[in-house]
Amino acid sequence: MKVPTPGNVRPYNQDQMDLFPPSVQSLICDDHLCRVVNDVVKELNLSCLYKKVSREGNPPYHPAMMLKIIFYAYAKGLFSSRKIAEAVKENLPFIFLAAWQKPDFRTISDFRKNNIKELDILFAQIVQLCKQLGMVKIGHVAIDGTKIKANASDARTYDSERIEEEIKRWLEQAEAVDQKEDQLYGSDKTGNEIPEDIRDPKKRIEKLKKLKKQLEQGDREKINKTDPDAVFMKMSGSIKTAYNAQAAVDSTHQVVVASDVTNDAADVDQLLPMIDQAEENLSEQIDQCSADAGYSSGENLKAMENRKIDAYIPDREYQAQQRGKPVNDFHKDSFVYDEKLDSYICIEGQRLSFSHLQQRKGKAPLRIYRGGNCHACRFFGICTKSKTGRSISRHPYEKELRQMRQKLDSESGKAIYGKRKYTVEPPFGHIKTIMGFTNFLLRGKQKVRGEFKLVTIAHNLRKIWLYLKTSNKCLTGMCPAPAN
């Protein structure tokens, strides 16, 4: 029995047609994120993409359209090319950006992969756009790194011995594999139905030999077969194949002004490259920066001093003390350095004279000082148990390290260094938690570097979107927003 429609409801007819069908734009609100992405791409100089378009063959999709859907996808936490291709068919903002065009997942994937280098240029333009809008004021830039899982199986990490074992195993089984494939595909088929590098044992052996050569040429003990550039890194209490993603963030609106990826787990060698990239993107020198103890080295502090950058970077020992690590009476800081005689004096008044230089790989050596009569001291066994006497190492940049500690101990220093935590850490939290980017999809250092550049572009696009929603500015920052 058909139930009659209530009288007091709005008309509902799925077959109803408008005399003038609405445009897609009219269905999207004015302050939607996709409109900001659309307008930002319109502001960019895309000549780096246009010059790659071939004048022959089947015309490709417009680079601006492809860029818009990929930028918007990453800003919304869609990273899979298949999911992006699906969204272009079903999701209204994607349909608006694509203008009803429907590139397939392979086209999207290839566009992203083939324009990795161009993302550096586009990222710098977006940083400049943020600067024009007043979102970047270069008052304080904080630098940090985070480990992000590589698109590689941890179990497929090989050392030299395992590679040799795999090569031997495949050589022994090559004949058996050939026979098995004849049974599977028939002697009249070539086996092209599956990828050749999986079908042919010889291809696997060649790949293993290439892997071994890469291992021998590098300074690592292990190498991953899936992504040879990825390395084991400690992340969230476990060891996984990963990359170290770096970001320099302006404190005004948490805009990422520089980003990079390295397969070096340590951060110390990334400070100066990040400063260089940030200054290049901003076309301006950085006045003040902060970074955690992972970036501390005497060489880095001296470089900051030479560049006249007001840096706030604690060393590991100082940071440990700030976190409550106890310091005993016989700590190095209790010894007085006599610059004139180049020696240290302990709390008992005994002198520790220069002994030798301790070499360090790629860095200036440490000066080692040693006591001459420590075994007769009443504190022997407490200050030191060494029969050769108490030793102290002096860093070649001891002066810079001590000056940094004094600066960080000041009230103003504590306040400035305190900016680091709420400047650079939230963007990483936003990228991983809100955007959901917790592992790379691409493989190889250069491609991964480009992918993270794409992620930080998406982060900045969301920052522009939020900024425009709360300020009376249009995208260029040159004209007032239209009246409501």
Protein backbone atom coordinates (compact mmCIF):
# COMPACT_ATOMS: atom_id res chain seq x y z
CA MET A 1 0.00 0.00 0.00
CA LYS A 2 1.42 3.33 -1.06
CA VAL A 3 1.66 5.85 1.76
CA PRO A 4 0.60 9.37 0.70
CA THR A 5 3.19 12.13 0.81
CA PRO A 6 2.74 14.60 3.72
CA GLY A 7 1.38 17.91 2.56
CA ASN A 8 3.79 20.19 4.41
CA VAL A 9 7.10 19.23 2.66
CA ARG A 10 9.17 20.80 -0.06
CA PRO A 11 8.74 19.43 -3.58
CA TYR A 12 11.14 16.59 -4.36
CA ASN A 13 11.59 15.39 -7.93
CA GLN A 14 14.84 13.80 -9.13
CA ASP A 15 13.76 14.16 -12.75
CA GLN A 16 13.20 17.90 -12.47
CA MET A 17 15.39 19.92 -14.90
CA ASP A 18 16.34 23.59 -14.71
CA LEU A 19 15.81 25.76 -17.75
CA PHE A 20 19.35 27.05 -17.22
CA PRO A 21 21.47 24.33 -15.54
CA PRO A 22 23.69 25.65 -12.71
CA SER A 23 27.44 25.81 -13.24
CA VAL A 24 29.67 23.72 -10.97
CA GLN A 25 31.09 26.91 -9.47
CA SER A 26 27.67 28.00 -8.25
CA LEU A 27 27.43 24.82 -6.17
CA ILE A 28 30.61 25.55 -4.20
CA CYS A 29 30.71 28.13 -1.40
CA ASP A 30 32.97 31.15 -1.84
CA ASP A 31 35.37 30.28 0.99
CA HIS A 32 35.86 26.62 0.08
CA LEU A 33 39.41 25.27 0.11
CA CYS A 34 39.19 24.21 -3.55
CA ARG A 35 38.61 27.84 -4.58
CA VAL A 36 41.80 28.91 -2.81
CA VAL A 37 43.73 26.10 -4.51
CA ASN A 38 42.24 27.18 -7.83
CA ASP A 39 43.18 30.83 -7.31
CA VAL A 40 46.69 30.04 -6.03
CA VAL A 41 47.51 27.99 -9.13
CA LYS A 42 46.22 30.86 -11.28
CA GLU A 43 48.75 33.13 -9.55
CA LEU A 44 51.70 30.80 -10.21
CA ASN A 45 54.07 31.01 -13.12
CA LEU A 46 53.72 27.54 -14.68
CA SER A 47 56.24 28.01 -17.48
CA CYS A 48 58.38 25.24 -15.94
CA LEU A 49 55.49 22.85 -16.69
CA TYR A 50 54.38 24.36 -20.00
CA LYS A 51 57.79 24.05 -21.62
CA LYS A 52 57.65 20.27 -21.09
CA VAL A 53 54.45 19.86 -23.09
CA SER A 54 55.15 18.21 -26.43
CA ARG A 55 53.83 19.90 -29.58
CA GLU A 56 53.32 16.54 -31.22
CA GLY A 57 51.08 13.57 -30.55
CA ASN A 58 47.88 13.35 -28.55
CA PRO A 59 47.36 16.59 -26.52
CA PRO A 60 47.89 15.98 -22.78
CA TYR A 61 45.69 17.30 -20.00
CA HIS A 62 46.33 20.92 -19.09
CA PRO A 63 49.18 21.13 -16.50
CA ALA A 64 47.26 23.74 -14.48
CA MET A 65 44.28 21.39 -14.14
CA MET A 66 46.50 18.46 -13.13
CA LEU A 67 48.31 20.62 -10.60
CA LYS A 68 45.05 21.86 -9.08
CA ILE A 69 43.60 18.38 -8.48
CA ILE A 70 46.87 17.06 -7.03
CA PHE A 71 47.36 20.10 -4.76
CA TYR A 72 43.77 19.86 -3.54
CA ALA A 73 44.01 16.09 -3.08
CA TYR A 74 47.08 16.38 -0.85
CA ALA A 75 45.50 19.24 1.10
CA LYS A 76 42.52 16.95 1.79
CA GLY A 77 44.69 13.96 2.70
CA LEU A 78 44.25 12.01 -0.55
CA PHE A 79 47.62 10.72 -1.71
CA SER A 80 46.77 7.64 -3.78
CA SER A 81 46.50 8.32 -7.52
CA ARG A 82 43.64 5.80 -7.71
CA LYS A 83 41.68 7.61 -5.01
CA ILE A 84 42.32 10.95 -6.71
CA ALA A 85 41.07 9.55 -10.04
CA GLU A 86 37.94 8.28 -8.29
CA ALA A 87 37.37 11.65 -6.60
CA VAL A 88 37.57 13.47 -9.96
CA LYS A 89 34.53 11.47 -11.06
CA GLU A 90 32.48 11.73 -7.85
CA ASN A 91 33.58 14.67 -5.69
CA LEU A 92 32.17 18.12 -6.54
CA PRO A 93 35.28 20.21 -5.67
CA PHE A 94 37.44 17.87 -7.76
CA ILE A 95 34.94 18.07 -10.63
CA PHE A 96 35.11 21.88 -10.39
CA LEU A 97 38.92 21.91 -10.46
CA ALA A 98 39.08 19.36 -13.30
CA ALA A 99 36.29 21.09 -15.25
CA TRP A 100 34.55 17.72 -15.77
CA GLN A 101 37.69 16.13 -17.20
CA LYS A 102 38.57 12.68 -15.86
CA PRO A 103 42.28 11.79 -15.99
CA ASP A 104 42.88 8.17 -14.98
CA PHE A 105 45.06 7.14 -12.04
CA ARG A 106 48.07 6.36 -14.26
CA THR A 107 47.97 9.84 -15.82
CA ILE A 108 47.80 11.41 -12.36
CA SER A 109 50.61 9.22 -11.06
CA ASP A 110 52.83 9.97 -14.07
CA PHE A 111 52.21 13.72 -13.84
CA ARG A 112 53.24 13.72 -10.18
CA LYS A 113 56.28 11.54 -10.83
CA ASN A 114 57.45 13.38 -13.95
CA ASN A 115 57.29 16.86 -12.40
CA ILE A 116 59.14 16.21 -9.15
CA LYS A 117 61.89 18.77 -9.87
CA GLU A 118 59.40 21.47 -10.85
CA LEU A 119 57.82 21.28 -7.39
CA ASP A 120 60.85 23.15 -5.99
CA ILE A 121 60.04 26.12 -8.23
CA LEU A 122 56.32 26.03 -7.40
CA PHE A 123 56.99 25.66 -3.66
CA ALA A 124 59.20 28.79 -3.71
CA GLN A 125 56.49 30.74 -5.56
CA ILE A 126 53.89 29.78 -2.95
CA VAL A 127 56.25 30.87 -0.16
CA GLN A 128 56.60 34.22 -1.93
CA LEU A 129 52.82 34.43 -2.22
CA CYS A 130 52.53 33.87 1.55
CA LYS A 131 55.08 36.64 2.05
CA GLN A 132 53.05 39.04 -0.12
CA LEU A 133 49.96 38.25 1.92
CA GLY A 134 51.81 39.13 5.13
CA MET A 135 51.75 35.55 6.40
CA VAL A 136 55.58 35.38 6.52
CA LYS A 137 57.49 38.13 8.32
CA ILE A 138 60.82 36.37 8.90
CA GLY A 139 60.86 37.37 12.55
CA HIS A 140 61.77 33.87 13.70
CA VAL A 141 62.32 30.66 11.74
CA ALA A 142 62.40 27.28 13.50
CA ILE A 143 63.96 24.16 11.98
CA ASP A 144 63.23 20.54 12.81
CA GLY A 145 63.07 17.07 11.30
CA THR A 146 60.76 14.09 11.56
CA LYS A 147 61.13 10.48 10.47
CA ILE A 148 58.60 9.27 7.87
CA LYS A 149 58.22 5.64 6.84
CA ALA A 150 59.59 4.74 3.42
CA ASN A 151 57.59 2.76 0.87
CA ALA A 152 59.76 -0.26 1.55
CA SER A 153 59.40 -3.51 3.45
CA ASP A 154 61.69 -3.68 6.48
CA ALA A 155 62.11 -7.41 5.82
CA ARG A 156 63.64 -6.72 2.41
CA THR A 157 66.74 -5.06 3.83
CA TYR A 158 69.94 -6.86 2.88
CA ASP A 159 73.54 -6.91 4.03
CA SER A 160 76.38 -8.15 1.81
CA GLU A 161 76.18 -11.69 3.15
CA ARG A 162 72.44 -11.97 2.56
CA ILE A 163 72.81 -10.66 -1.00
CA GLU A 164 75.42 -13.35 -1.71
CA GLU A 165 73.14 -16.01 -0.28
CA GLU A 166 70.23 -14.79 -2.42
CA ILE A 167 72.36 -14.78 -5.58
CA LYS A 168 73.58 -18.30 -4.83
CA ARG A 169 70.04 -19.51 -4.14
CA TRP A 170 68.71 -18.08 -7.39
CA LEU A 171 71.55 -19.49 -9.40
CA GLU A 172 70.87 -22.94 -7.97
CA GLN A 173 67.13 -22.69 -8.55
CA ALA A 174 67.20 -20.99 -11.97
CA GLU A 175 66.74 -24.23 -13.87
CA ALA A 176 63.93 -25.38 -11.58
CA VAL A 177 62.17 -22.02 -11.94
CA ASP A 178 62.34 -22.20 -15.74
CA GLN A 179 60.77 -25.65 -15.68
CA LYS A 180 58.03 -24.52 -13.32
CA GLU A 181 57.19 -21.54 -15.54
CA ASP A 182 56.94 -23.86 -18.57
CA GLN A 183 54.34 -25.82 -16.63
CA LEU A 184 52.46 -22.66 -15.62
CA TYR A 185 52.46 -20.84 -18.98
CA GLY A 186 53.14 -23.66 -21.43
CA SER A 187 56.17 -24.07 -23.64
CA ASP A 188 54.50 -22.07 -26.42
CA LYS A 189 54.14 -18.89 -24.27
CA THR A 190 56.86 -16.39 -23.46
CA GLY A 191 55.74 -15.61 -19.90
CA ASN A 192 55.12 -11.95 -20.67
CA GLU A 193 51.81 -12.28 -18.83
CA ILE A 194 53.65 -11.28 -15.64
CA PRO A 195 56.46 -8.71 -15.17
CA GLU A 196 59.75 -9.89 -16.60
CA ASP A 197 61.81 -9.08 -13.52
CA ILE A 198 59.56 -11.41 -11.49
CA ARG A 199 59.32 -14.10 -14.17
CA ASP A 200 63.00 -14.36 -15.05
CA PRO A 201 65.41 -15.47 -12.28
CA LYS A 202 68.28 -13.89 -14.23
CA LYS A 203 66.64 -10.48 -13.81
CA ARG A 204 66.43 -11.04 -10.09
CA ILE A 205 70.11 -11.98 -9.96
CA GLU A 206 71.04 -8.86 -11.93
CA LYS A 207 69.01 -6.73 -9.52
CA LEU A 208 70.75 -8.34 -6.53
CA LYS A 209 74.18 -7.74 -8.07
CA LYS A 210 73.27 -4.11 -8.70
CA LEU A 211 72.13 -3.87 -5.07
CA LYS A 212 75.45 -5.30 -3.88
CA LYS A 213 77.36 -2.78 -5.99
CA GLN A 214 75.35 0.08 -4.45
CA LEU A 215 76.11 -1.28 -0.98
CA GLU A 216 79.83 -1.50 -1.71
CA GLN A 217 79.96 2.03 -3.11
CA GLY A 218 78.23 3.54 -0.07
CA ASP A 219 79.19 3.58 3.60
CA ARG A 220 76.23 1.55 4.84
CA GLU A 221 76.19 -2.01 6.11
CA LYS A 222 72.66 -2.71 4.86
CA ILE A 223 70.53 -1.72 1.90
CA ASN A 224 66.82 -2.10 1.16
CA LYS A 225 65.88 -3.98 -2.00
CA THR A 226 62.57 -2.15 -2.49
CA ASP A 227 64.00 1.34 -1.98
CA PRO A 228 67.82 1.34 -1.87
CA ASP A 229 67.93 4.97 -0.69
CA ALA A 230 65.85 4.31 2.45
CA VAL A 231 67.69 3.44 5.67
CA PHE A 232 66.79 2.10 9.10
CA MET A 233 65.85 4.90 11.50
CA LYS A 234 64.41 5.02 14.98
CA MET A 235 60.83 6.27 14.94
CA SER A 236 58.17 6.01 17.67
CA GLY A 237 60.21 3.52 19.67
CA SER A 238 60.83 1.12 16.77
CA ILE A 239 63.37 0.80 13.97
CA LYS A 240 61.96 1.09 10.44
CA THR A 241 63.13 1.89 6.91
CA ALA A 242 62.49 5.61 6.68
CA TYR A 243 63.58 9.04 5.54
CA ASN A 244 64.35 12.13 7.61
CA ALA A 245 62.00 14.94 6.50
CA GLN A 246 63.16 18.48 7.25
CA ALA A 247 61.20 21.72 7.52
CA ALA A 248 61.96 25.37 8.26
CA VAL A 249 58.86 27.16 9.54
CA ASP A 250 58.16 30.86 9.98
CA SER A 251 56.70 31.68 13.39
CA THR A 252 54.09 34.20 12.15
CA HIS A 253 51.57 31.72 10.68
CA GLN A 254 53.51 28.43 10.67
CA VAL A 255 54.18 28.61 6.94
CA VAL A 256 56.82 26.11 5.81
CA VAL A 257 59.44 28.23 4.05
CA ALA A 258 61.85 25.38 3.24
CA SER A 259 61.56 21.60 3.13
CA ASP A 260 63.78 18.71 2.21
CA VAL A 261 64.32 14.98 2.75
CA THR A 262 67.54 13.16 3.60
CA ASN A 263 68.44 9.55 4.33
CA ASP A 264 70.79 10.66 7.09
CA ALA A 265 69.16 9.95 10.45
CA ALA A 266 71.12 12.76 12.14
CA ASP A 267 69.96 16.37 11.78
CA VAL A 268 73.25 18.17 12.39
CA ASP A 269 74.29 18.43 8.72
CA GLN A 270 70.87 19.74 7.65
CA LEU A 271 70.92 23.10 9.46
CA LEU A 272 72.91 25.14 6.93
CA PRO A 273 71.21 23.65 3.82
CA MET A 274 67.80 24.47 5.33
CA ILE A 275 68.91 28.02 6.11
CA ASP A 276 70.21 28.39 2.54
CA GLN A 277 66.98 27.09 1.01
CA ALA A 278 64.80 29.27 3.25
CA GLU A 279 66.76 32.40 2.36
CA GLU A 280 66.59 31.55 -1.33
CA ASN A 281 62.83 30.96 -1.21
CA LEU A 282 62.24 34.14 0.78
CA SER A 283 64.75 36.27 -1.17
CA GLU A 284 65.80 37.63 2.19
CA GLN A 285 68.29 36.85 4.93
CA ILE A 286 67.02 35.14 8.07
CA ASP A 287 67.63 37.18 11.22
CA GLN A 288 66.75 34.67 13.91
CA CYS A 289 66.37 30.89 14.06
CA SER A 290 66.01 28.07 16.54
CA ALA A 291 66.57 24.32 16.39
CA ASP A 292 66.85 21.50 18.91
CA ALA A 293 70.04 19.80 20.13
CA GLY A 294 70.16 17.50 17.12
CA TYR A 295 71.38 20.47 15.04
CA SER A 296 74.05 21.57 17.51
CA SER A 297 77.72 21.54 16.59
CA GLY A 298 80.50 24.04 17.06
CA GLU A 299 80.79 24.35 13.30
CA ASN A 300 77.09 25.22 12.99
CA LEU A 301 77.23 27.80 15.78
CA LYS A 302 80.27 29.44 14.21
CA ALA A 303 78.54 29.51 10.83
CA MET A 304 75.49 31.20 12.39
CA GLU A 305 77.77 33.77 13.97
CA ASN A 306 79.54 34.45 10.66
CA ARG A 307 76.18 34.89 8.91
CA LYS A 308 75.01 37.24 11.67
CA ILE A 309 72.01 35.02 12.41
CA ASP A 310 70.73 35.18 15.98
CA ALA A 311 70.61 31.40 16.63
CA TYR A 312 69.22 29.48 19.60
CA ILE A 313 70.49 25.89 19.46
CA PRO A 314 71.29 23.97 22.68
CA ASP A 315 73.90 21.22 22.74
CA ARG A 316 72.85 17.74 23.90
CA GLU A 317 74.55 17.96 27.28
CA TYR A 318 72.95 21.31 28.06
CA GLN A 319 69.54 20.03 26.96
CA ALA A 320 69.92 16.96 29.19
CA GLN A 321 70.72 19.22 32.16
CA GLN A 322 67.62 21.31 31.44
CA ARG A 323 65.54 18.15 31.59
CA GLY A 324 66.79 17.37 35.08
CA LYS A 325 69.90 15.25 34.53
CA PRO A 326 71.99 15.68 37.72
CA VAL A 327 75.42 17.33 37.48
CA ASN A 328 78.00 16.23 40.08
CA ASP A 329 80.83 18.28 41.60
CA PHE A 330 83.35 16.71 39.26
CA HIS A 331 81.62 17.64 36.04
CA LYS A 332 83.73 19.36 33.40
CA ASP A 333 82.01 22.66 34.23
CA SER A 334 83.61 22.53 37.70
CA PHE A 335 87.09 22.76 36.15
CA VAL A 336 88.50 26.22 35.39
CA TYR A 337 90.24 26.74 32.07
CA ASP A 338 93.47 28.75 32.14
CA GLU A 339 93.65 30.23 28.67
CA LYS A 340 97.16 31.64 29.18
CA LEU A 341 98.71 28.29 30.12
CA ASP A 342 96.26 26.22 28.06
CA SER A 343 95.32 23.95 30.94
CA TYR A 344 92.47 23.14 33.35
CA ILE A 345 92.50 23.48 37.14
CA CYS A 346 90.41 21.05 39.23
CA ILE A 347 88.64 21.81 42.53
CA GLU A 348 91.76 20.63 44.42
CA GLY A 349 93.92 23.16 42.59
CA GLN A 350 95.74 20.56 40.49
CA ARG A 351 96.51 21.33 36.86
CA LEU A 352 95.42 19.20 33.90
CA SER A 353 97.86 19.86 31.06
CA PHE A 354 97.39 19.36 27.32
CA SER A 355 98.01 15.74 26.38
CA HIS A 356 97.09 15.15 22.72
CA LEU A 357 94.66 15.80 19.89
CA GLN A 358 91.74 13.42 19.38
CA GLN A 359 90.92 13.21 15.68
CA ARG A 360 87.31 13.28 14.46
CA LYS A 361 86.05 12.33 11.02
CA GLY A 362 85.42 15.43 8.94
CA LYS A 363 85.73 17.77 11.92
CA ALA A 364 88.41 19.66 13.80
CA PRO A 365 90.09 17.51 16.50
CA LEU A 366 89.38 17.73 20.23
CA ARG A 367 92.13 18.84 22.59
CA ILE A 368 92.61 16.34 25.42
CA TYR A 369 93.91 17.45 28.84
CA ARG A 370 95.06 15.02 31.54
CA GLY A 371 95.98 15.23 35.22
CA GLY A 372 99.45 14.10 36.26
CA ASN A 373 99.02 13.01 39.88
CA CYS A 374 95.37 12.06 40.23
CA HIS A 375 96.01 8.72 41.99
CA ALA A 376 97.28 10.65 45.03
CA CYS A 377 94.16 12.86 45.24
CA ARG A 378 91.61 12.28 48.01
CA PHE A 379 88.88 12.22 45.37
CA PHE A 380 90.53 9.51 43.28
CA GLY A 381 87.88 6.90 42.52
CA ILE A 382 85.15 9.54 42.58
CA CYS A 383 86.46 12.10 40.11
CA THR A 384 88.14 9.36 38.04
CA LYS A 385 89.19 5.74 38.31
CA SER A 386 91.69 5.92 35.48
CA LYS A 387 95.29 5.14 36.46
CA THR A 388 96.49 7.62 33.87
CA GLY A 389 94.52 10.41 35.54
CA ARG A 390 91.40 12.47 34.91
CA SER A 391 91.01 13.65 31.32
CA ILE A 392 88.96 16.51 29.88
CA SER A 393 88.22 17.19 26.23
CA ARG A 394 88.05 20.73 24.91
CA HIS A 395 85.98 21.37 21.83
CA PRO A 396 87.60 23.57 19.15
CA TYR A 397 84.43 25.69 19.38
CA GLU A 398 84.22 25.65 23.17
CA LYS A 399 83.80 29.41 23.24
CA GLU A 400 80.77 29.32 20.92
CA LEU A 401 79.15 26.46 22.86
CA ARG A 402 79.52 28.29 26.18
CA GLN A 403 78.20 31.54 24.73
CA MET A 404 75.17 29.66 23.41
CA ARG A 405 74.49 28.20 26.86
CA GLN A 406 74.69 31.64 28.44
CA LYS A 407 72.28 33.02 25.83
CA LEU A 408 69.81 30.18 26.38
CA ASP A 409 70.00 30.68 30.17
CA SER A 410 68.88 34.30 29.89
CA GLU A 411 65.19 35.17 30.26
CA SER A 412 65.00 36.51 26.73
CA GLY A 413 66.82 33.43 25.42
CA LYS A 414 64.36 31.08 27.13
CA ALA A 415 61.43 33.00 25.64
CA ILE A 416 62.88 33.00 22.13
CA TYR A 417 63.87 29.32 22.20
CA GLY A 418 60.40 28.56 23.54
CA LYS A 419 58.99 29.68 20.18
CA ARG A 420 60.54 26.64 18.51
CA LYS A 421 58.15 24.14 20.02
CA TYR A 422 54.94 25.86 18.93
CA THR A 423 56.37 27.00 15.58
CA VAL A 424 57.85 23.92 13.93
CA GLU A 425 56.24 20.99 15.73
CA PRO A 426 52.55 21.79 14.91
CA PRO A 427 53.10 21.59 11.12
CA PHE A 428 54.52 18.08 11.49
CA GLY A 429 51.56 17.15 13.68
CA HIS A 430 49.19 18.64 11.10
CA ILE A 431 50.86 16.79 8.23
CA LYS A 432 50.80 13.43 10.00
CA THR A 433 47.55 13.64 11.96
CA ILE A 434 45.19 15.98 10.08
CA MET A 435 46.40 15.33 6.53
CA GLY A 436 47.21 11.72 7.37
CA PHE A 437 50.59 11.63 5.62
CA THR A 438 52.51 8.98 7.59
CA ASN A 439 54.46 7.19 4.86
CA PHE A 440 55.84 7.95 1.43
CA LEU A 441 54.26 6.47 -1.69
CA LEU A 442 57.17 7.11 -4.03
CA ARG A 443 60.58 5.46 -3.88
CA GLY A 444 64.08 6.84 -4.25
CA LYS A 445 65.50 9.89 -2.51
CA GLN A 446 64.76 12.38 -5.30
CA LYS A 447 61.16 11.27 -5.76
CA VAL A 448 60.57 11.15 -2.02
CA ARG A 449 62.05 14.62 -1.70
CA GLY A 450 59.57 15.87 -4.31
CA GLU A 451 56.68 14.11 -2.62
CA PHE A 452 57.44 15.83 0.69
CA LYS A 453 57.68 19.13 -1.17
CA LEU A 454 54.16 18.41 -2.41
CA VAL A 455 53.01 17.68 1.16
CA THR A 456 54.43 20.96 2.48
CA ILE A 457 52.84 22.83 -0.45
CA ALA A 458 49.51 21.33 0.62
CA HIS A 459 50.16 22.41 4.22
CA ASN A 460 50.86 25.98 3.07
CA LEU A 461 47.73 25.99 0.90
CA ARG A 462 45.63 25.15 3.93
CA LYS A 463 47.38 27.93 5.84
CA ILE A 464 46.53 30.41 3.05
CA TRP A 465 42.92 29.20 3.09
CA LEU A 466 42.56 29.72 6.86
CA TYR A 467 44.32 33.08 6.69
CA LEU A 468 42.05 34.43 3.96
CA LYS A 469 38.97 33.29 5.88
CA THR A 470 39.99 35.39 8.88
CA SER A 471 41.52 38.45 7.20
CA ASN A 472 40.23 41.17 4.94
CA LYS A 473 42.55 40.31 2.05
CA CYS A 474 42.27 38.72 -1.34
CA LEU A 475 44.80 36.24 -2.63
CA THR A 476 47.34 38.70 -3.97
CA GLY A 477 47.19 40.84 -0.83
CA MET A 478 46.89 43.85 -3.13
CA CYS A 479 43.14 44.50 -2.88
CA PRO A 480 40.42 44.32 -0.20
CA ALA A 481 38.11 41.35 -0.03
CA PRO A 482 34.70 41.83 -1.69
CA ALA A 483 31.86 42.94 0.57
CA ASN A 484 29.40 40.26 1.65
